[in-house]
Amino acid sequence: MTPHVKEAVRAAQDHKAVELRVLNLRAVSGFTDYFLICSGTSTRHTQALAEAIVEHLEKKASLSPAHIEGYNEAQWILLDYLDFVVHIFSEQSREFYDLERLWKKAEHLKVE
């Protein structure tokens, strides 16, 4: 796991992300190296997680997302940092899209 992914994990943990997972996609994907997947308990919590991760990475690593998607609806917020992508779901959307199953061939990394 890269230092930037670790910082994103730290920010998500600090803001009480639910069911945090990191997938190593390097062996199975050509468009990114890692997915950080987590859930929020409400629309506001999901948005707060996105804000916290963006602010933390800007402060700690001078890193900004290349693209942000889904913030206003807050059902599935995507923060694209090119080398890794953060997916922040509502609980219902996470269950529906089930990225962990879709990317089951990816290595699931332990989050401390």
Foldseek 3Di string as FASTA:
>chain_A
DDPLVLQLLVLLVVLPWAPWWKWQCPVPDDFAGIETETEAADLVSLLVSVVSSQVRCCVPPVAHFPDWPDNVVSQWIWGHRRNYIYIYHHPVSCVVVVVCVVVVVTDIDDDD
